[in-house]
């Protein structure tokens, strides 16, 4: 694998594919089919496309100075304390493993966030209350059934029971963010074929219903997805912009933050289709201020 290197010709080809509108996963598959090792191919795509994007942004800003003015202002975000690259973090009542980190976007994969018993309890408490999952309707500020989201789910109110209180306090300490800035815990169940197509968690400022949504706590600035039940196959959390997949390992969690409601955060993500088995997750969204 070490003998393979990203040549100027390869980088030029990657940029040409991006300009032609080909999705990153398609470009990656083509490279793998051509004999490139996966690690080399991913690294070449990330570095090449980031440079290409930076050049595009710089050119656009130079040509149209108003572009920078239109960019939403950056917000403070949750951020685990990872100075010194620790292997473990103290989450108050348990030690949590740091399994993987990424700076751009800010993604951290944690292990041992939940015990098997806590996963089972959340599932059993949620099961009788499951209904077809809704998405936020940003045109009105309400909720709606959306074809891109084919799971079943429910919400616990913040602090609804002792188990929820315990987990919420743990997460607040883990990601270094006030507990009262968190939304209620959402539990989702994905049967075979169910998925959540790539999307952003922040609320689009251009949508007419967003001002209504923002009255309760402001923008979303961070997400924690915890895995409660493992499917036999499929169901990864995907980040298409950076070719990252996080396996839905029971008890683990993935955290990511986004400092402004804009695609430059590279936090486009989705739940890949479950191929076999049943996938359960618990999602916690963090707002910029107290959520009531």
Protein backbone atom coordinates (compact mmCIF):
# COMPACT_ATOMS: atom_id res chain seq x y z
CA UNK A 1 0.00 0.00 0.00
CA UNK A 2 2.87 2.37 0.80
CA UNK A 3 4.06 2.15 -2.81
CA UNK A 4 0.92 3.91 -4.04
CA UNK A 5 1.03 7.72 -4.10
CA UNK A 6 -1.41 10.33 -5.32
CA UNK A 7 0.14 11.63 -8.53
CA UNK A 8 -0.58 15.05 -10.06
CA UNK A 9 -2.49 13.24 -12.79
CA UNK A 10 -4.70 11.51 -10.23
CA UNK A 11 -5.41 14.77 -8.39
CA UNK A 12 -6.31 16.47 -11.66
CA UNK A 13 -8.68 13.61 -12.47
CA UNK A 14 -10.35 13.86 -9.03
CA UNK A 15 -10.98 17.59 -9.51
CA UNK A 16 -12.41 16.95 -12.98
CA UNK A 17 -14.85 14.38 -11.53
CA UNK A 18 -15.95 16.86 -8.87
CA UNK A 19 -16.46 19.59 -11.47
CA UNK A 20 -18.53 17.14 -13.53
CA UNK A 21 -20.85 16.65 -10.58
CA UNK A 22 -19.96 13.05 -9.71
CA UNK A 23 -20.63 12.11 -6.09
CA UNK A 24 -17.61 11.32 -3.86
CA UNK A 25 -18.74 7.73 -3.30
CA UNK A 26 -18.90 7.15 -7.08
CA UNK A 27 -15.41 8.60 -7.57
CA UNK A 28 -14.08 6.48 -4.71
CA UNK A 29 -15.59 3.29 -6.15
CA UNK A 30 -14.03 4.03 -9.53
CA UNK A 31 -10.63 4.42 -7.89
CA UNK A 32 -11.01 1.19 -5.94
CA UNK A 33 -12.10 -0.66 -9.07
CA UNK A 34 -8.96 0.65 -10.77
CA UNK A 35 -6.73 -0.90 -8.12
CA UNK A 36 -6.16 1.95 -5.66
CA UNK A 37 -6.00 0.99 -2.00
CA UNK A 38 -8.93 2.38 -0.02
CA UNK A 39 -6.82 4.36 2.47
CA UNK A 40 -4.75 5.95 -0.29
CA UNK A 41 -7.83 6.76 -2.37
CA UNK A 42 -9.69 8.39 0.52
CA UNK A 43 -6.65 10.45 1.55
CA UNK A 44 -6.12 11.62 -2.03
CA UNK A 45 -9.77 12.64 -2.39
CA UNK A 46 -9.87 14.49 0.94
CA UNK A 47 -6.71 16.49 0.36
CA UNK A 48 -7.39 17.22 -3.30
CA UNK A 49 -11.01 18.24 -2.90
CA UNK A 50 -10.28 20.38 0.17
CA UNK A 51 -7.64 22.32 -1.75
CA UNK A 52 -10.04 22.63 -4.68
CA UNK A 53 -12.83 23.88 -2.40
CA UNK A 54 -10.55 26.39 -0.69
CA UNK A 55 -9.51 27.76 -4.07
CA UNK A 56 -13.13 28.07 -5.17
CA UNK A 57 -14.14 29.89 -1.99
CA UNK A 58 -11.18 32.25 -2.24
CA UNK A 59 -11.94 33.00 -5.90
CA UNK A 60 -15.62 33.62 -5.18
CA UNK A 61 -14.87 35.92 -2.27
CA UNK A 62 -12.38 37.90 -4.36
CA UNK A 63 -14.81 38.25 -7.24
CA UNK A 64 -17.85 38.96 -5.09
CA UNK A 65 -16.94 40.52 -1.71
CA UNK A 66 -20.55 40.22 -0.56
CA UNK A 67 -20.14 36.43 -0.37
CA UNK A 68 -18.29 36.69 2.94
CA UNK A 69 -20.93 39.06 4.29
CA UNK A 70 -23.68 36.53 3.48
CA UNK A 71 -22.01 33.76 5.47
CA UNK A 72 -23.83 33.18 8.79
CA UNK A 73 -21.83 34.22 11.82
CA UNK A 74 -19.99 31.49 13.69
CA UNK A 75 -21.53 30.29 16.95
CA UNK A 76 -20.01 28.72 20.04
CA UNK A 77 -20.32 24.94 19.88
CA UNK A 78 -20.05 21.95 22.22
CA UNK A 79 -16.52 20.54 22.22
CA UNK A 80 -15.16 17.59 24.19
CA UNK A 81 -11.95 18.41 26.06
CA UNK A 82 -9.40 16.46 24.04
CA UNK A 83 -6.22 18.38 24.85
CA UNK A 84 -3.32 15.95 24.95
CA UNK A 85 -5.19 13.33 22.90
CA UNK A 86 -6.64 11.35 25.85
CA UNK A 87 -7.77 7.76 25.37
CA UNK A 88 -10.53 8.21 27.96
CA UNK A 89 -12.77 11.04 29.17
CA UNK A 90 -14.44 11.35 32.55
CA UNK A 91 -18.18 11.60 31.90
CA UNK A 92 -19.02 11.87 35.57
CA UNK A 93 -20.38 8.41 36.34
CA UNK A 94 -18.27 6.42 33.85
CA UNK A 95 -15.13 6.50 31.75
CA UNK A 96 -15.80 6.95 28.04
CA UNK A 97 -13.33 5.81 25.36
CA UNK A 98 -12.16 8.17 22.61
CA UNK A 99 -12.11 5.95 19.52
CA UNK A 100 -11.74 8.40 16.63
CA UNK A 101 -11.47 12.14 16.10
CA UNK A 102 -11.73 14.46 13.11
CA UNK A 103 -11.22 18.22 13.10
CA UNK A 104 -13.03 19.27 9.92
CA UNK A 105 -15.82 18.52 10.38
CA UNK A 106 -15.53 18.14 14.14
CA UNK A 107 -16.44 14.47 14.63
CA UNK A 108 -15.62 12.34 17.66
CA UNK A 109 -16.51 8.65 18.02
CA UNK A 110 -16.89 7.49 21.62
CA UNK A 111 -17.01 4.02 23.14
CA UNK A 112 -18.68 2.88 26.37
CA UNK A 113 -21.10 5.80 26.43
CA UNK A 114 -23.99 3.51 27.43
CA UNK A 115 -24.05 0.15 29.18
CA UNK A 116 -25.95 -2.82 27.73
CA UNK A 117 -28.50 -2.46 30.53
CA UNK A 118 -29.07 1.23 29.72
CA UNK A 119 -29.52 0.41 26.03
CA UNK A 120 -32.09 -2.27 26.87
CA UNK A 121 -33.96 0.03 29.26
CA UNK A 122 -34.19 2.87 26.73
CA UNK A 123 -35.50 0.50 24.07
CA UNK A 124 -38.12 -1.01 26.36
CA UNK A 125 -39.29 2.39 27.61
CA UNK A 126 -39.52 3.72 24.06
CA UNK A 127 -41.08 0.73 22.30
CA UNK A 128 -44.73 1.31 23.35
CA UNK A 129 -44.54 4.96 22.23
CA UNK A 130 -43.05 4.50 18.75
CA UNK A 131 -44.68 6.20 15.77
CA UNK A 132 -43.57 7.06 12.23
CA UNK A 133 -40.67 9.51 12.57
CA UNK A 134 -41.28 13.16 11.75
CA UNK A 135 -38.91 15.85 10.53
CA UNK A 136 -38.98 19.55 11.36
CA UNK A 137 -41.02 21.43 8.75
CA UNK A 138 -38.91 24.55 8.27
CA UNK A 139 -41.44 26.26 6.04
CA UNK A 140 -43.89 26.53 8.94
CA UNK A 141 -41.91 25.62 12.05
CA UNK A 142 -43.99 22.47 12.62
CA UNK A 143 -43.35 18.78 11.91
CA UNK A 144 -44.12 16.49 8.98
CA UNK A 145 -43.68 12.96 7.67
CA UNK A 146 -40.89 12.97 5.09
CA UNK A 147 -40.04 10.29 2.51
CA UNK A 148 -36.32 10.62 3.29
CA UNK A 149 -36.87 9.38 6.85
CA UNK A 150 -38.31 5.88 7.15
CA UNK A 151 -37.76 5.05 10.82
CA UNK A 152 -40.11 4.89 13.81
CA UNK A 153 -39.40 7.07 16.82
CA UNK A 154 -40.43 8.89 19.96
CA UNK A 155 -39.15 11.66 22.25
CA UNK A 156 -38.43 11.67 25.95
CA UNK A 157 -38.90 15.05 27.57
CA UNK A 158 -35.69 16.38 29.09
CA UNK A 159 -35.34 14.84 32.55
CA UNK A 160 -38.46 12.71 32.05
CA UNK A 161 -37.18 9.84 34.19
CA UNK A 162 -34.11 8.87 36.23
CA UNK A 163 -32.43 7.04 33.35
CA UNK A 164 -32.86 9.97 30.96
CA UNK A 165 -31.56 12.39 33.61
CA UNK A 166 -28.47 10.23 34.14
CA UNK A 167 -27.67 10.02 30.42
CA UNK A 168 -28.31 13.71 29.80
CA UNK A 169 -25.92 14.69 32.61
CA UNK A 170 -23.32 12.30 31.21
CA UNK A 171 -23.56 13.76 27.71
CA UNK A 172 -23.46 17.36 28.96
CA UNK A 173 -20.19 16.66 30.75
CA UNK A 174 -18.79 14.62 27.88
CA UNK A 175 -19.24 17.32 25.22
CA UNK A 176 -18.73 20.26 27.59
CA UNK A 177 -22.12 21.90 27.04
CA UNK A 178 -24.88 23.04 29.43
CA UNK A 179 -27.47 20.36 30.13
CA UNK A 180 -30.31 22.87 29.77
CA UNK A 181 -29.23 23.62 26.19
CA UNK A 182 -30.17 20.11 25.09
CA UNK A 183 -33.35 19.02 23.36
CA UNK A 184 -35.25 15.98 24.58
CA UNK A 185 -33.77 12.57 23.86
CA UNK A 186 -35.11 10.99 20.67
CA UNK A 187 -35.24 7.20 20.23
CA UNK A 188 -35.42 5.75 16.72
CA UNK A 189 -35.91 2.22 15.42
CA UNK A 190 -34.86 1.23 11.89
CA UNK A 191 -36.19 -2.00 10.39
CA UNK A 192 -34.58 -3.61 7.28
CA UNK A 193 -34.71 -1.12 4.41
CA UNK A 194 -35.27 1.88 6.68
CA UNK A 195 -32.87 4.81 6.38
CA UNK A 196 -32.46 8.56 6.81
CA UNK A 197 -31.04 10.13 3.67
CA UNK A 198 -28.19 12.67 4.02
CA UNK A 199 -29.27 15.93 5.63
CA UNK A 200 -28.10 18.71 7.96
CA UNK A 201 -29.26 19.03 11.56
CA UNK A 202 -29.15 22.83 11.70
CA UNK A 203 -32.18 24.89 10.69
CA UNK A 204 -31.88 26.61 7.32
CA UNK A 205 -31.99 30.40 7.87
CA UNK A 206 -33.58 30.85 4.43
CA UNK A 207 -36.70 28.84 5.32
CA UNK A 208 -39.71 30.91 6.48
CA UNK A 209 -40.42 28.73 9.50
CA UNK A 210 -36.93 28.94 10.96
CA UNK A 211 -37.50 32.10 13.08
CA UNK A 212 -40.34 30.27 14.86
CA UNK A 213 -38.13 27.25 15.54
CA UNK A 214 -35.26 29.40 16.83
CA UNK A 215 -37.42 30.97 19.54
CA UNK A 216 -36.86 27.79 21.56
CA UNK A 217 -33.14 27.75 22.22
CA UNK A 218 -31.71 29.19 19.01
CA UNK A 219 -29.81 27.16 16.44
CA UNK A 220 -28.74 23.57 16.79
CA UNK A 221 -24.96 23.46 17.18
CA UNK A 222 -24.17 19.84 18.02
CA UNK A 223 -25.46 16.27 17.75
CA UNK A 224 -24.78 13.04 19.63
CA UNK A 225 -26.03 9.78 18.10
CA UNK A 226 -25.88 6.80 20.48
CA UNK A 227 -26.28 3.23 19.27
CA UNK A 228 -28.66 1.13 21.36
CA UNK A 229 -29.26 -1.92 19.18
CA UNK A 230 -26.96 -3.26 16.47
CA UNK A 231 -28.30 -4.38 13.11
CA UNK A 232 -26.75 -7.50 11.63
CA UNK A 233 -25.72 -5.55 8.54
CA UNK A 234 -25.88 -1.93 7.33
CA UNK A 235 -27.13 1.08 9.26
CA UNK A 236 -23.90 3.10 9.49
CA UNK A 237 -23.95 6.84 10.16
CA UNK A 238 -22.45 8.36 7.03
CA UNK A 239 -20.77 11.71 6.36
CA UNK A 240 -20.71 11.91 2.53
CA UNK A 241 -18.67 15.12 2.30
CA UNK A 242 -15.68 13.49 4.02
CA UNK A 243 -16.27 9.83 3.04
CA UNK A 244 -16.68 8.77 6.68
CA UNK A 245 -18.83 5.91 7.98
CA UNK A 246 -19.39 5.23 11.67
CA UNK A 247 -20.45 1.67 12.48
CA UNK A 248 -23.55 1.38 14.70
CA UNK A 249 -21.78 -0.49 17.54
CA UNK A 250 -23.98 -0.88 20.61
CA UNK A 251 -22.98 1.40 23.48
CA UNK A 252 -20.89 3.67 21.23
CA UNK A 253 -21.78 7.16 20.06
CA UNK A 254 -20.76 9.69 17.43
CA UNK A 255 -20.66 13.41 18.23
CA UNK A 256 -20.37 16.21 15.68
CA UNK A 257 -20.73 19.99 15.86
CA UNK A 258 -21.50 22.74 13.37
CA UNK A 259 -20.66 26.35 14.16
CA UNK A 260 -22.97 27.92 11.59
CA UNK A 261 -26.03 26.85 9.58
CA UNK A 262 -24.12 26.42 6.33
CA UNK A 263 -22.85 23.52 4.16
CA UNK A 264 -19.25 24.67 4.72
CA UNK A 265 -19.46 22.87 8.07
CA UNK A 266 -19.32 19.61 6.05
CA UNK A 267 -21.78 18.02 8.47
CA UNK A 268 -24.03 16.48 5.83
CA UNK A 269 -24.85 13.07 7.31
CA UNK A 270 -27.35 10.27 7.08
CA UNK A 271 -28.35 6.85 8.34
CA UNK A 272 -27.49 4.22 5.74
CA UNK A 273 -30.19 1.63 5.02
CA UNK A 274 -30.42 -1.28 7.41
CA UNK A 275 -29.77 -4.42 5.38
CA UNK A 276 -30.48 -7.06 8.03
CA UNK A 277 -31.61 -6.94 11.64
CA UNK A 278 -32.91 -3.99 13.64
CA UNK A 279 -31.10 -0.76 14.49
CA UNK A 280 -31.93 1.40 17.51
CA UNK A 281 -30.39 4.80 18.22
CA UNK A 282 -30.82 7.64 20.70
CA UNK A 283 -30.16 11.16 19.41
CA UNK A 284 -29.42 14.27 21.44
CA UNK A 285 -29.36 17.69 19.77
CA UNK A 286 -27.71 20.68 21.45
CA UNK A 287 -28.92 24.27 20.98
CA UNK A 288 -26.92 27.48 21.27
CA UNK A 289 -28.81 28.51 24.42
CA UNK A 290 -31.35 27.14 26.89
CA UNK A 291 -34.02 24.98 25.22
CA UNK A 292 -37.50 25.21 26.75
